[in-house]
Amino acid sequence: MKTIKKIVAVFLLATVIFTLSGCSWFMSEPEKEAQDFVKESISNLYNVTSGNYELSLKGVASGAPNAVPQNLNFNLSMAGLFDSKDSKAPQFTMKLAGDMAADQDTKQAIDIELRLNKENFYVLLTQLPDFGETVPKEAIALFTGKWWQIAIPEGAFEQMSLLEQDETKMTPEQKAFKELFNKTKFFKDLKFIAGDSLSGVDCYHYSGVLDKDGIKTFLAEASKLQGQEMTETDLQNLDSFLAATTAPVDLWIDSSTATLKKFASKLTIVPQNAGYADIKLSFELKNVNEDVSVEIPANATIFDPASLFGGMTIDGTGTTDALNTAEITDAPVINGAGGQ
């Protein structure tokens, strides 16, 4: 009788573990080779048109002798949503928050929010670092604490040549970029670790390292497609940076869609001259291809960049209420805008 009770108890315990784990503990390795499967998961990012994202950056860095600042540490996070179903009317938000400190200075907080829809770009500056009062607090105060609205020029998104995802609407350059992206090997030395559950999604967990040759080729070819071919000096600098960088990676791939869901790495950068940087980086996609919507801020203040120059509006006449330039000390005066 006791034996039967033990068997039942073990069975119940296994059932609970199986349920709580979302079955991920019992996932077997995909039949495809690790390199092929990871490459496929990156190519499938082209099928991701909406969702939420989370990015975190945490690290310390030290510069070469006499560098200013000599030391830097930071802890930043970015999160938001995106929707690129319509390449001519993308939606995007970003909340950037965290802190940073240079040398022996106290940590300075940063808190910025961005929102983008078809017509306008919105910015809310809640807190900005003053970098040891290099930037006057009075100047920072002029911009913080309110939503600013900036109009997007008509046709601006049509110039973003890499944004289109509908292959029937792609230009030759866009198709060439997609082909380049799909064939590039960004990682190597890949191996399967285990099944994991991330945000309720069963995933395959792999480890590896950055493929420096693949990344160099991708950046060089992508620059050509954008009409900005990298110079020999650019390539040498890129070689030096990659040679100084060690970057083990962890990758999580959605088991149902074979799409890369999360990337994490600890980058160690040790240049030949001097200095170093240790950076922890992670990026995760959530709610993939679900409907998202950007909330338009109420009562946003229209921002006129020309108001920074003595109150002249974009058409060169009058003043604007978007910014009280009288509060800016020694603001430059432009002839025809109230100056002499």
C-alpha atoms as a PDB file:
ATOM      1  CA  MET A   1       0.000   0.000   0.000  1.00  0.00           C
ATOM      2  CA  LYS A   2       2.826   2.401   0.893  1.00  0.00           C
ATOM      3  CA  THR A   3       4.491   1.640  -2.430  1.00  0.00           C
ATOM      4  CA  ILE A   4       1.319   2.578  -4.324  1.00  0.00           C
ATOM      5  CA  LYS A   5       1.081   5.850  -2.371  1.00  0.00           C
ATOM      6  CA  LYS A   6       4.690   6.677  -3.249  1.00  0.00           C
ATOM      7  CA  ILE A   7       4.069   5.972  -6.916  1.00  0.00           C
ATOM      8  CA  VAL A   8       0.964   8.188  -6.873  1.00  0.00           C
ATOM      9  CA  ALA A   9       2.877  10.975  -5.053  1.00  0.00           C
ATOM     10  CA  VAL A  10       5.732  10.864  -7.539  1.00  0.00           C
ATOM     11  CA  PHE A  11       3.261  10.878 -10.443  1.00  0.00           C
ATOM     12  CA  LEU A  12       1.421  13.910  -9.012  1.00  0.00           C
ATOM     13  CA  LEU A  13       4.702  15.743  -8.401  1.00  0.00           C
ATOM     14  CA  ALA A  14       5.861  15.049 -11.952  1.00  0.00           C
ATOM     15  CA  THR A  15       2.514  16.290 -13.292  1.00  0.00           C
ATOM     16  CA  VAL A  16       2.808  19.550 -11.344  1.00  0.00           C
ATOM     17  CA  ILE A  17       6.389  20.111 -12.540  1.00  0.00           C
ATOM     18  CA  PHE A  18       5.402  19.298 -16.110  1.00  0.00           C
ATOM     19  CA  THR A  19       2.491  21.777 -15.958  1.00  0.00           C
ATOM     20  CA  LEU A  20       4.388  24.607 -14.260  1.00  0.00           C
ATOM     21  CA  SER A  21       7.321  24.288 -16.588  1.00  0.00           C
ATOM     22  CA  GLY A  22       5.122  24.690 -19.644  1.00  0.00           C
ATOM     23  CA  CYS A  23       6.593  21.429 -20.895  1.00  0.00           C
ATOM     24  CA  SER A  24       9.856  23.221 -21.705  1.00  0.00           C
ATOM     25  CA  TRP A  25      11.943  20.961 -19.462  1.00  0.00           C
ATOM     26  CA  PHE A  26      10.995  18.010 -21.634  1.00  0.00           C
ATOM     27  CA  MET A  27      11.666  19.582 -25.026  1.00  0.00           C
ATOM     28  CA  SER A  28      14.117  17.674 -27.156  1.00  0.00           C
ATOM     29  CA  GLU A  29      16.667  19.287 -29.420  1.00  0.00           C
ATOM     30  CA  PRO A  30      15.358  20.219 -32.909  1.00  0.00           C
ATOM     31  CA  GLU A  31      16.316  17.832 -35.678  1.00  0.00           C
ATOM     32  CA  LYS A  32      18.001  20.585 -37.697  1.00  0.00           C
ATOM     33  CA  GLU A  33      21.671  21.363 -37.148  1.00  0.00           C
ATOM     34  CA  ALA A  34      22.154  24.168 -34.620  1.00  0.00           C
ATOM     35  CA  GLN A  35      23.749  26.495 -37.179  1.00  0.00           C
ATOM     36  CA  ASP A  36      20.938  26.009 -39.693  1.00  0.00           C
ATOM     37  CA  PHE A  37      18.171  26.327 -37.118  1.00  0.00           C
ATOM     38  CA  VAL A  38      19.557  29.532 -35.585  1.00  0.00           C
ATOM     39  CA  LYS A  39      20.087  31.015 -39.040  1.00  0.00           C
ATOM     40  CA  GLU A  40      16.476  30.185 -39.911  1.00  0.00           C
ATOM     41  CA  SER A  41      15.254  31.797 -36.683  1.00  0.00           C
ATOM     42  CA  ILE A  42      17.032  35.046 -37.585  1.00  0.00           C
ATOM     43  CA  SER A  43      15.619  35.017 -41.129  1.00  0.00           C
ATOM     44  CA  ASN A  44      12.141  34.550 -39.644  1.00  0.00           C
ATOM     45  CA  LEU A  45      12.458  37.938 -37.936  1.00  0.00           C
ATOM     46  CA  TYR A  46      11.352  39.322 -41.297  1.00  0.00           C
ATOM     47  CA  ASN A  47       7.936  37.839 -40.486  1.00  0.00           C
ATOM     48  CA  VAL A  48       7.685  39.842 -37.249  1.00  0.00           C
ATOM     49  CA  THR A  49       5.615  42.951 -37.967  1.00  0.00           C
ATOM     50  CA  SER A  50       4.431  44.006 -34.502  1.00  0.00           C
ATOM     51  CA  GLY A  51       4.858  43.387 -30.808  1.00  0.00           C
ATOM     52  CA  ASN A  52       6.674  44.603 -27.742  1.00  0.00           C
ATOM     53  CA  TYR A  53      10.400  44.738 -27.104  1.00  0.00           C
ATOM     54  CA  GLU A  54      12.664  45.033 -24.067  1.00  0.00           C
ATOM     55  CA  LEU A  55      16.332  45.985 -24.216  1.00  0.00           C
ATOM     56  CA  SER A  56      18.725  46.276 -21.285  1.00  0.00           C
ATOM     57  CA  LEU A  57      22.287  47.588 -21.204  1.00  0.00           C
ATOM     58  CA  LYS A  58      24.447  47.469 -18.103  1.00  0.00           C
ATOM     59  CA  GLY A  59      28.179  47.951 -17.952  1.00  0.00           C
ATOM     60  CA  VAL A  60      31.368  49.690 -16.995  1.00  0.00           C
ATOM     61  CA  ALA A  61      34.057  51.182 -19.182  1.00  0.00           C
ATOM     62  CA  SER A  62      37.482  52.718 -18.743  1.00  0.00           C
ATOM     63  CA  GLY A  63      39.155  54.910 -21.335  1.00  0.00           C
ATOM     64  CA  ALA A  64      42.743  55.264 -22.444  1.00  0.00           C
ATOM     65  CA  PRO A  65      45.090  57.436 -20.318  1.00  0.00           C
ATOM     66  CA  ASN A  66      44.015  61.097 -20.222  1.00  0.00           C
ATOM     67  CA  ALA A  67      40.591  60.227 -21.630  1.00  0.00           C
ATOM     68  CA  VAL A  68      37.700  62.341 -20.363  1.00  0.00           C
ATOM     69  CA  PRO A  69      35.811  60.842 -18.716  1.00  0.00           C
ATOM     70  CA  GLN A  70      38.212  58.157 -17.560  1.00  0.00           C
ATOM     71  CA  ASN A  71      35.583  55.827 -16.189  1.00  0.00           C
ATOM     72  CA  LEU A  72      31.932  55.319 -16.980  1.00  0.00           C
ATOM     73  CA  ASN A  73      29.244  53.035 -15.636  1.00  0.00           C
ATOM     74  CA  PHE A  74      25.650  52.788 -16.769  1.00  0.00           C
ATOM     75  CA  ASN A  75      22.453  50.835 -16.272  1.00  0.00           C
ATOM     76  CA  LEU A  76      19.820  51.508 -18.925  1.00  0.00           C
ATOM     77  CA  SER A  77      16.619  49.887 -20.101  1.00  0.00           C
ATOM     78  CA  MET A  78      14.472  50.481 -23.176  1.00  0.00           C
ATOM     79  CA  ALA A  79      10.998  49.115 -23.717  1.00  0.00           C
ATOM     80  CA  GLY A  80       8.101  49.792 -26.022  1.00  0.00           C
ATOM     81  CA  LEU A  81       6.013  48.581 -28.925  1.00  0.00           C
ATOM     82  CA  PHE A  82       6.331  48.583 -32.688  1.00  0.00           C
ATOM     83  CA  ASP A  83       4.157  47.980 -35.743  1.00  0.00           C
ATOM     84  CA  SER A  84       5.605  47.958 -39.255  1.00  0.00           C
ATOM     85  CA  LYS A  85       2.744  46.284 -41.115  1.00  0.00           C
ATOM     86  CA  ASP A  86       2.336  49.474 -43.148  1.00  0.00           C
ATOM     87  CA  SER A  87       5.825  50.716 -44.034  1.00  0.00           C
ATOM     88  CA  LYS A  88       4.423  54.177 -44.804  1.00  0.00           C
ATOM     89  CA  ALA A  89       2.699  54.478 -41.433  1.00  0.00           C
ATOM     90  CA  PRO A  90       4.819  52.688 -38.816  1.00  0.00           C
ATOM     91  CA  GLN A  91       4.073  52.901 -35.106  1.00  0.00           C
ATOM     92  CA  PHE A  92       6.738  52.912 -32.436  1.00  0.00           C
ATOM     93  CA  THR A  93       7.237  53.791 -28.784  1.00  0.00           C
ATOM     94  CA  MET A  94      10.254  53.739 -26.509  1.00  0.00           C
ATOM     95  CA  LYS A  95      10.690  54.328 -22.795  1.00  0.00           C
ATOM     96  CA  LEU A  96      14.346  54.906 -21.925  1.00  0.00           C
ATOM     97  CA  ALA A  97      15.181  54.902 -18.218  1.00  0.00           C
ATOM     98  CA  GLY A  98      18.202  54.307 -16.025  1.00  0.00           C
ATOM     99  CA  ASP A  99      21.269  56.031 -14.689  1.00  0.00           C
ATOM    100  CA  MET A 100      24.888  56.675 -15.516  1.00  0.00           C
ATOM    101  CA  ALA A 101      27.953  58.064 -13.788  1.00  0.00           C
ATOM    102  CA  ALA A 102      31.256  59.401 -15.081  1.00  0.00           C
ATOM    103  CA  ASP A 103      34.428  59.120 -12.980  1.00  0.00           C
ATOM    104  CA  GLN A 104      33.634  60.024  -9.362  1.00  0.00           C
ATOM    105  CA  ASP A 105      30.432  61.929 -10.114  1.00  0.00           C
ATOM    106  CA  THR A 106      27.189  60.794  -8.527  1.00  0.00           C
ATOM    107  CA  LYS A 107      24.814  58.781 -10.662  1.00  0.00           C
ATOM    108  CA  GLN A 108      22.608  60.815 -12.928  1.00  0.00           C
ATOM    109  CA  ALA A 109      19.183  59.595 -13.935  1.00  0.00           C
ATOM    110  CA  ILE A 110      17.696  59.643 -17.406  1.00  0.00           C
ATOM    111  CA  ASP A 111      14.020  59.245 -18.236  1.00  0.00           C
ATOM    112  CA  ILE A 112      12.823  59.796 -21.810  1.00  0.00           C
ATOM    113  CA  GLU A 113       9.753  58.583 -23.671  1.00  0.00           C
ATOM    114  CA  LEU A 114       9.240  58.584 -27.446  1.00  0.00           C
ATOM    115  CA  ARG A 115       6.109  57.879 -29.490  1.00  0.00           C
ATOM    116  CA  LEU A 116       5.719  57.772 -33.243  1.00  0.00           C
ATOM    117  CA  ASN A 117       2.720  57.507 -35.517  1.00  0.00           C
ATOM    118  CA  LYS A 118       2.128  58.359 -39.156  1.00  0.00           C
ATOM    119  CA  GLU A 119       1.831  62.108 -38.669  1.00  0.00           C
ATOM    120  CA  ASN A 120       3.951  63.059 -35.666  1.00  0.00           C
ATOM    121  CA  PHE A 121       6.861  62.269 -33.425  1.00  0.00           C
ATOM    122  CA  TYR A 122       6.281  62.871 -29.699  1.00  0.00           C
ATOM    123  CA  VAL A 123       8.953  63.323 -27.033  1.00  0.00           C
ATOM    124  CA  LEU A 124       8.633  63.537 -23.255  1.00  0.00           C
ATOM    125  CA  LEU A 125      11.804  64.485 -21.389  1.00  0.00           C
ATOM    126  CA  THR A 126      11.186  63.768 -17.716  1.00  0.00           C
ATOM    127  CA  GLN A 127      14.770  63.692 -16.501  1.00  0.00           C
ATOM    128  CA  LEU A 128      18.057  64.426 -18.258  1.00  0.00           C
ATOM    129  CA  PRO A 129      21.649  64.239 -17.003  1.00  0.00           C
ATOM    130  CA  ASP A 130      23.415  67.585 -16.764  1.00  0.00           C
ATOM    131  CA  PHE A 131      26.909  66.037 -16.979  1.00  0.00           C
ATOM    132  CA  GLY A 132      28.235  67.923 -14.000  1.00  0.00           C
ATOM    133  CA  GLU A 133      26.202  71.030 -14.889  1.00  0.00           C
ATOM    134  CA  THR A 134      27.983  71.276 -18.221  1.00  0.00           C
ATOM    135  CA  VAL A 135      24.474  71.882 -19.513  1.00  0.00           C
ATOM    136  CA  PRO A 136      22.775  74.591 -17.387  1.00  0.00           C
ATOM    137  CA  LYS A 137      19.861  73.283 -15.365  1.00  0.00           C
ATOM    138  CA  GLU A 138      17.813  76.273 -16.524  1.00  0.00           C
ATOM    139  CA  ALA A 139      18.257  75.171 -20.132  1.00  0.00           C
ATOM    140  CA  ILE A 140      17.257  71.584 -19.299  1.00  0.00           C
ATOM    141  CA  ALA A 141      14.197  72.835 -17.415  1.00  0.00           C
ATOM    142  CA  LEU A 142      12.905  74.508 -20.583  1.00  0.00           C
ATOM    143  CA  PHE A 143      12.435  71.138 -22.244  1.00  0.00           C
ATOM    144  CA  THR A 144      11.513  68.742 -19.429  1.00  0.00           C
ATOM    145  CA  GLY A 145       8.117  67.898 -18.016  1.00  0.00           C
ATOM    146  CA  LYS A 146       5.945  68.218 -21.125  1.00  0.00           C
ATOM    147  CA  TRP A 147       5.168  66.344 -24.323  1.00  0.00           C
ATOM    148  CA  TRP A 148       6.652  67.877 -27.462  1.00  0.00           C
ATOM    149  CA  GLN A 149       5.097  67.238 -30.865  1.00  0.00           C
ATOM    150  CA  ILE A 150       7.266  67.274 -33.987  1.00  0.00           C
ATOM    151  CA  ALA A 151       5.654  66.945 -37.400  1.00  0.00           C
ATOM    152  CA  ILE A 152       7.005  64.240 -39.709  1.00  0.00           C
ATOM    153  CA  PRO A 153       7.692  65.521 -43.244  1.00  0.00           C
ATOM    154  CA  GLU A 154       5.439  64.003 -45.887  1.00  0.00           C
ATOM    155  CA  GLY A 155       7.029  61.027 -47.587  1.00  0.00           C
ATOM    156  CA  ALA A 156       9.697  60.625 -44.895  1.00  0.00           C
ATOM    157  CA  PHE A 157       8.998  56.937 -44.382  1.00  0.00           C
ATOM    158  CA  GLU A 158       9.235  56.255 -48.081  1.00  0.00           C
ATOM    159  CA  GLN A 159      12.909  57.154 -47.790  1.00  0.00           C
ATOM    160  CA  MET A 160      13.495  54.472 -45.152  1.00  0.00           C
ATOM    161  CA  SER A 161      14.545  51.895 -47.706  1.00  0.00           C
ATOM    162  CA  LEU A 162      14.990  48.977 -45.306  1.00  0.00           C
ATOM    163  CA  LEU A 163      11.563  49.280 -43.675  1.00  0.00           C
ATOM    164  CA  GLU A 164       9.429  47.558 -46.330  1.00  0.00           C
ATOM    165  CA  GLN A 165       8.569  43.942 -45.525  1.00  0.00           C
ATOM    166  CA  ASP A 166       6.106  43.148 -48.295  1.00  0.00           C
ATOM    167  CA  GLU A 167       8.289  41.504 -50.935  1.00  0.00           C
ATOM    168  CA  THR A 168       5.910  42.500 -53.731  1.00  0.00           C
ATOM    169  CA  LYS A 169       6.539  46.162 -52.899  1.00  0.00           C
ATOM    170  CA  MET A 170      10.297  45.905 -52.350  1.00  0.00           C
ATOM    171  CA  THR A 171      12.795  47.812 -54.432  1.00  0.00           C
ATOM    172  CA  PRO A 172      15.819  45.920 -55.845  1.00  0.00           C
ATOM    173  CA  GLU A 173      17.901  47.370 -52.983  1.00  0.00           C
ATOM    174  CA  GLN A 174      15.421  46.162 -50.371  1.00  0.00           C
ATOM    175  CA  LYS A 175      15.351  42.681 -51.884  1.00  0.00           C
ATOM    176  CA  ALA A 176      19.159  42.635 -51.940  1.00  0.00           C
ATOM    177  CA  PHE A 177      19.273  43.618 -48.257  1.00  0.00           C
ATOM    178  CA  LYS A 178      16.805  40.885 -47.316  1.00  0.00           C
ATOM    179  CA  GLU A 179      18.886  38.338 -49.224  1.00  0.00           C
ATOM    180  CA  LEU A 180      22.038  39.566 -47.491  1.00  0.00           C
ATOM    181  CA  PHE A 181      20.348  39.398 -44.080  1.00  0.00           C
ATOM    182  CA  ASN A 182      19.063  35.881 -44.706  1.00  0.00           C
ATOM    183  CA  LYS A 183      22.402  34.473 -45.834  1.00  0.00           C
ATOM    184  CA  THR A 184      24.594  36.126 -43.191  1.00  0.00           C
ATOM    185  CA  LYS A 185      25.967  33.921 -40.439  1.00  0.00           C
ATOM    186  CA  PHE A 186      25.896  36.161 -37.358  1.00  0.00           C
ATOM    187  CA  PHE A 187      26.842  33.445 -34.830  1.00  0.00           C
ATOM    188  CA  LYS A 188      29.035  30.354 -34.738  1.00  0.00           C
ATOM    189  CA  ASP A 189      30.061  27.507 -32.392  1.00  0.00           C
ATOM    190  CA  LEU A 190      26.383  27.027 -31.604  1.00  0.00           C
ATOM    191  CA  LYS A 191      25.076  24.283 -29.362  1.00  0.00           C
ATOM    192  CA  PHE A 192      21.719  23.360 -27.881  1.00  0.00           C
ATOM    193  CA  ILE A 193      21.422  23.918 -24.116  1.00  0.00           C
ATOM    194  CA  ALA A 194      17.853  23.088 -23.084  1.00  0.00           C
ATOM    195  CA  GLY A 195      14.200  23.984 -23.389  1.00  0.00           C
ATOM    196  CA  ASP A 196      13.169  27.155 -21.548  1.00  0.00           C
ATOM    197  CA  SER A 197       9.968  29.107 -21.036  1.00  0.00           C
ATOM    198  CA  LEU A 198      10.144  32.869 -21.638  1.00  0.00           C
ATOM    199  CA  SER A 199       7.086  35.032 -20.963  1.00  0.00           C
ATOM    200  CA  GLY A 200       4.912  31.957 -21.323  1.00  0.00           C
ATOM    201  CA  VAL A 201       6.482  30.897 -24.628  1.00  0.00           C
ATOM    202  CA  ASP A 202       8.328  27.586 -24.983  1.00  0.00           C
ATOM    203  CA  CYS A 203      11.768  28.196 -26.455  1.00  0.00           C
ATOM    204  CA  TYR A 204      14.915  26.370 -27.492  1.00  0.00           C
ATOM    205  CA  HIS A 205      17.992  27.743 -25.734  1.00  0.00           C
ATOM    206  CA  TYR A 206      21.304  27.845 -27.627  1.00  0.00           C
ATOM    207  CA  SER A 207      24.743  29.227 -26.809  1.00  0.00           C
ATOM    208  CA  GLY A 208      27.532  30.374 -29.110  1.00  0.00           C
ATOM    209  CA  VAL A 209      29.721  33.340 -30.019  1.00  0.00           C
ATOM    210  CA  LEU A 210      29.533  36.196 -32.493  1.00  0.00           C
ATOM    211  CA  ASP A 211      30.787  35.355 -35.972  1.00  0.00           C
ATOM    212  CA  LYS A 212      33.087  38.328 -36.534  1.00  0.00           C
ATOM    213  CA  ASP A 213      33.740  37.564 -40.201  1.00  0.00           C
ATOM    214  CA  GLY A 214      30.027  37.300 -40.883  1.00  0.00           C
ATOM    215  CA  ILE A 215      29.297  40.574 -39.110  1.00  0.00           C
ATOM    216  CA  LYS A 216      32.084  42.409 -40.953  1.00  0.00           C
ATOM    217  CA  THR A 217      30.834  41.192 -44.326  1.00  0.00           C
ATOM    218  CA  PHE A 218      27.253  42.102 -43.464  1.00  0.00           C
ATOM    219  CA  LEU A 219      28.129  45.660 -42.392  1.00  0.00           C
ATOM    220  CA  ALA A 220      30.305  46.242 -45.457  1.00  0.00           C
ATOM    221  CA  GLU A 221      27.694  44.928 -47.903  1.00  0.00           C
ATOM    222  CA  ALA A 222      24.816  46.724 -46.153  1.00  0.00           C
ATOM    223  CA  SER A 223      26.722  50.002 -46.431  1.00  0.00           C
ATOM    224  CA  LYS A 224      27.115  49.478 -50.175  1.00  0.00           C
ATOM    225  CA  LEU A 225      23.381  48.920 -50.547  1.00  0.00           C
ATOM    226  CA  GLN A 226      22.812  52.230 -48.767  1.00  0.00           C
ATOM    227  CA  GLY A 227      25.182  54.010 -51.128  1.00  0.00           C
ATOM    228  CA  GLN A 228      27.784  54.602 -48.414  1.00  0.00           C
ATOM    229  CA  GLU A 229      30.610  52.180 -49.078  1.00  0.00           C
ATOM    230  CA  MET A 230      32.984  51.735 -46.153  1.00  0.00           C
ATOM    231  CA  THR A 231      36.477  53.112 -46.709  1.00  0.00           C
ATOM    232  CA  GLU A 232      39.658  51.163 -46.096  1.00  0.00           C
ATOM    233  CA  THR A 233      40.086  53.090 -42.853  1.00  0.00           C
ATOM    234  CA  ASP A 234      36.538  52.183 -41.811  1.00  0.00           C
ATOM    235  CA  LEU A 235      37.235  48.499 -42.439  1.00  0.00           C
ATOM    236  CA  GLN A 236      40.516  48.635 -40.511  1.00  0.00           C
ATOM    237  CA  ASN A 237      38.782  50.298 -37.557  1.00  0.00           C
ATOM    238  CA  LEU A 238      36.057  47.662 -37.677  1.00  0.00           C
ATOM    239  CA  ASP A 239      38.702  44.915 -37.739  1.00  0.00           C
ATOM    240  CA  SER A 240      40.399  46.450 -34.698  1.00  0.00           C
ATOM    241  CA  PHE A 241      37.118  46.686 -32.805  1.00  0.00           C
ATOM    242  CA  LEU A 242      36.095  43.113 -33.596  1.00  0.00           C
ATOM    243  CA  ALA A 243      39.558  41.799 -32.693  1.00  0.00           C
ATOM    244  CA  ALA A 244      39.286  43.521 -29.304  1.00  0.00           C
ATOM    245  CA  THR A 245      35.801  42.123 -28.631  1.00  0.00           C
ATOM    246  CA  THR A 246      34.852  38.875 -26.938  1.00  0.00           C
ATOM    247  CA  ALA A 247      31.140  38.136 -27.094  1.00  0.00           C
ATOM    248  CA  PRO A 248      29.623  34.834 -25.950  1.00  0.00           C
ATOM    249  CA  VAL A 249      25.895  34.759 -26.703  1.00  0.00           C
ATOM    250  CA  ASP A 250      22.745  33.024 -25.563  1.00  0.00           C
ATOM    251  CA  LEU A 251      19.798  32.716 -27.925  1.00  0.00           C
ATOM    252  CA  TRP A 252      16.207  31.685 -27.279  1.00  0.00           C
ATOM    253  CA  ILE A 253      14.076  30.566 -30.232  1.00  0.00           C
ATOM    254  CA  ASP A 254      10.291  30.268 -30.167  1.00  0.00           C
ATOM    255  CA  SER A 255       9.607  26.549 -30.581  1.00  0.00           C
ATOM    256  CA  SER A 256       6.304  27.069 -32.424  1.00  0.00           C
ATOM    257  CA  THR A 257       7.405  29.699 -34.971  1.00  0.00           C
ATOM    258  CA  ALA A 258      11.163  29.045 -35.105  1.00  0.00           C
ATOM    259  CA  THR A 259      11.724  32.793 -34.629  1.00  0.00           C
ATOM    260  CA  LEU A 260      14.480  34.321 -32.521  1.00  0.00           C
ATOM    261  CA  LYS A 261      12.818  35.617 -29.356  1.00  0.00           C
ATOM    262  CA  LYS A 262      15.684  36.692 -27.119  1.00  0.00           C
ATOM    263  CA  PHE A 263      19.372  37.509 -27.461  1.00  0.00           C
ATOM    264  CA  ALA A 264      21.769  38.007 -24.540  1.00  0.00           C
ATOM    265  CA  SER A 265      25.500  38.579 -24.375  1.00  0.00           C
ATOM    266  CA  LYS A 266      28.293  39.844 -22.195  1.00  0.00           C
ATOM    267  CA  LEU A 267      30.652  41.870 -24.357  1.00  0.00           C
ATOM    268  CA  THR A 268      34.227  42.380 -23.227  1.00  0.00           C
ATOM    269  CA  ILE A 269      36.140  44.962 -25.256  1.00  0.00           C
ATOM    270  CA  VAL A 270      39.870  45.402 -24.654  1.00  0.00           C
ATOM    271  CA  PRO A 271      41.494  47.674 -27.283  1.00  0.00           C
ATOM    272  CA  GLN A 272      45.224  47.376 -27.982  1.00  0.00           C
ATOM    273  CA  ASN A 273      46.023  50.878 -26.761  1.00  0.00           C
ATOM    274  CA  ALA A 274      44.337  50.913 -23.362  1.00  0.00           C
ATOM    275  CA  GLY A 275      41.001  50.854 -21.599  1.00  0.00           C
ATOM    276  CA  TYR A 276      38.266  48.246 -21.540  1.00  0.00           C
ATOM    277  CA  ALA A 277      34.513  47.796 -21.439  1.00  0.00           C
ATOM    278  CA  ASP A 278      32.310  45.108 -19.928  1.00  0.00           C
ATOM    279  CA  ILE A 279      28.718  45.303 -21.137  1.00  0.00           C
ATOM    280  CA  LYS A 280      25.761  43.050 -20.404  1.00  0.00           C
ATOM    281  CA  LEU A 281      23.190  43.204 -23.185  1.00  0.00           C
ATOM    282  CA  SER A 282      19.830  41.530 -23.650  1.00  0.00           C
ATOM    283  CA  PHE A 283      16.991  42.018 -26.127  1.00  0.00           C
ATOM    284  CA  GLU A 284      13.629  40.229 -26.048  1.00  0.00           C
ATOM    285  CA  LEU A 285      10.529  40.268 -28.240  1.00  0.00           C
ATOM    286  CA  LYS A 286       7.106  39.768 -26.658  1.00  0.00           C
ATOM    287  CA  ASN A 287       3.525  39.539 -27.942  1.00  0.00           C
ATOM    288  CA  VAL A 288       4.857  38.914 -31.432  1.00  0.00           C
ATOM    289  CA  ASN A 289       2.500  39.934 -34.269  1.00  0.00           C
ATOM    290  CA  GLU A 290      -0.253  40.955 -31.875  1.00  0.00           C
ATOM    291  CA  ASP A 291      -2.149  44.205 -32.447  1.00  0.00           C
ATOM    292  CA  VAL A 292      -0.572  47.289 -30.879  1.00  0.00           C
ATOM    293  CA  SER A 293      -1.567  50.947 -30.838  1.00  0.00           C
ATOM    294  CA  VAL A 294       0.268  54.149 -29.960  1.00  0.00           C
ATOM    295  CA  GLU A 295      -1.566  56.379 -27.502  1.00  0.00           C
ATOM    296  CA  ILE A 296      -1.364  59.990 -28.670  1.00  0.00           C
ATOM    297  CA  PRO A 297      -0.369  62.369 -25.828  1.00  0.00           C
ATOM    298  CA  ALA A 298      -3.013  64.960 -25.038  1.00  0.00           C
ATOM    299  CA  ASN A 299      -2.131  68.662 -25.150  1.00  0.00           C
ATOM    300  CA  ALA A 300       1.320  68.141 -26.643  1.00  0.00           C
ATOM    301  CA  THR A 301       3.257  71.339 -27.374  1.00  0.00           C
ATOM    302  CA  ILE A 302       4.214  71.830 -30.999  1.00  0.00           C
ATOM    303  CA  PHE A 303       7.979  72.134 -31.201  1.00  0.00           C
ATOM    304  CA  ASP A 304       9.456  74.618 -33.665  1.00  0.00           C
ATOM    305  CA  PRO A 305      13.244  74.096 -33.927  1.00  0.00           C
ATOM    306  CA  ALA A 306      13.666  77.627 -35.252  1.00  0.00           C
ATOM    307  CA  SER A 307      12.381  78.958 -31.936  1.00  0.00           C
ATOM    308  CA  LEU A 308      15.785  78.178 -30.490  1.00  0.00           C
ATOM    309  CA  PHE A 309      17.188  80.958 -32.665  1.00  0.00           C
ATOM    310  CA  GLY A 310      15.719  84.078 -31.186  1.00  0.00           C
ATOM    311  CA  GLY A 311      12.050  83.087 -31.623  1.00  0.00           C
ATOM    312  CA  MET A 312      11.970  82.933 -35.431  1.00  0.00           C
ATOM    313  CA  THR A 313       9.353  80.593 -36.828  1.00  0.00           C
ATOM    314  CA  ILE A 314       9.988  78.180 -39.677  1.00  0.00           C
ATOM    315  CA  ASP A 315       8.661  80.686 -42.219  1.00  0.00           C
ATOM    316  CA  GLY A 316      11.091  83.307 -40.888  1.00  0.00           C
ATOM    317  CA  THR A 317       8.538  85.668 -39.343  1.00  0.00           C
ATOM    318  CA  GLY A 318       7.071  86.275 -35.930  1.00  0.00           C
ATOM    319  CA  THR A 319       7.525  84.224 -32.799  1.00  0.00           C
ATOM    320  CA  THR A 320       6.227  80.896 -31.556  1.00  0.00           C
ATOM    321  CA  ASP A 321       4.546  79.896 -28.340  1.00  0.00           C
ATOM    322  CA  ALA A 322       6.199  76.477 -28.412  1.00  0.00           C
ATOM    323  CA  LEU A 323       9.177  77.720 -26.439  1.00  0.00           C
ATOM    324  CA  ASN A 324       9.601  80.828 -24.317  1.00  0.00           C
ATOM    325  CA  THR A 325      12.944  81.928 -25.699  1.00  0.00           C
ATOM    326  CA  ALA A 326      13.034  84.877 -23.317  1.00  0.00           C
ATOM    327  CA  GLU A 327      14.035  82.379 -20.667  1.00  0.00           C
ATOM    328  CA  ILE A 328      17.193  81.429 -22.578  1.00  0.00           C
ATOM    329  CA  THR A 329      20.162  83.542 -21.532  1.00  0.00           C
ATOM    330  CA  ASP A 330      22.160  85.013 -24.402  1.00  0.00           C
ATOM    331  CA  ALA A 331      19.910  83.484 -27.023  1.00  0.00           C
ATOM    332  CA  PRO A 332      21.198  84.340 -30.509  1.00  0.00           C
ATOM    333  CA  VAL A 333      19.291  87.082 -32.334  1.00  0.00           C
ATOM    334  CA  ILE A 334      18.519  86.715 -36.025  1.00  0.00           C
ATOM    335  CA  ASN A 335      17.909  89.720 -38.270  1.00  0.00           C
ATOM    336  CA  GLY A 336      14.303  89.844 -39.349  1.00  0.00           C
ATOM    337  CA  ALA A 337      13.165  88.106 -36.175  1.00  0.00           C
ATOM    338  CA  GLY A 338      13.013  91.078 -33.912  1.00  0.00           C
ATOM    339  CA  GLY A 339      16.787  91.682 -33.807  1.00  0.00           C
ATOM    340  CA  GLN A 340      18.921  94.525 -35.136  1.00  0.00           C
END
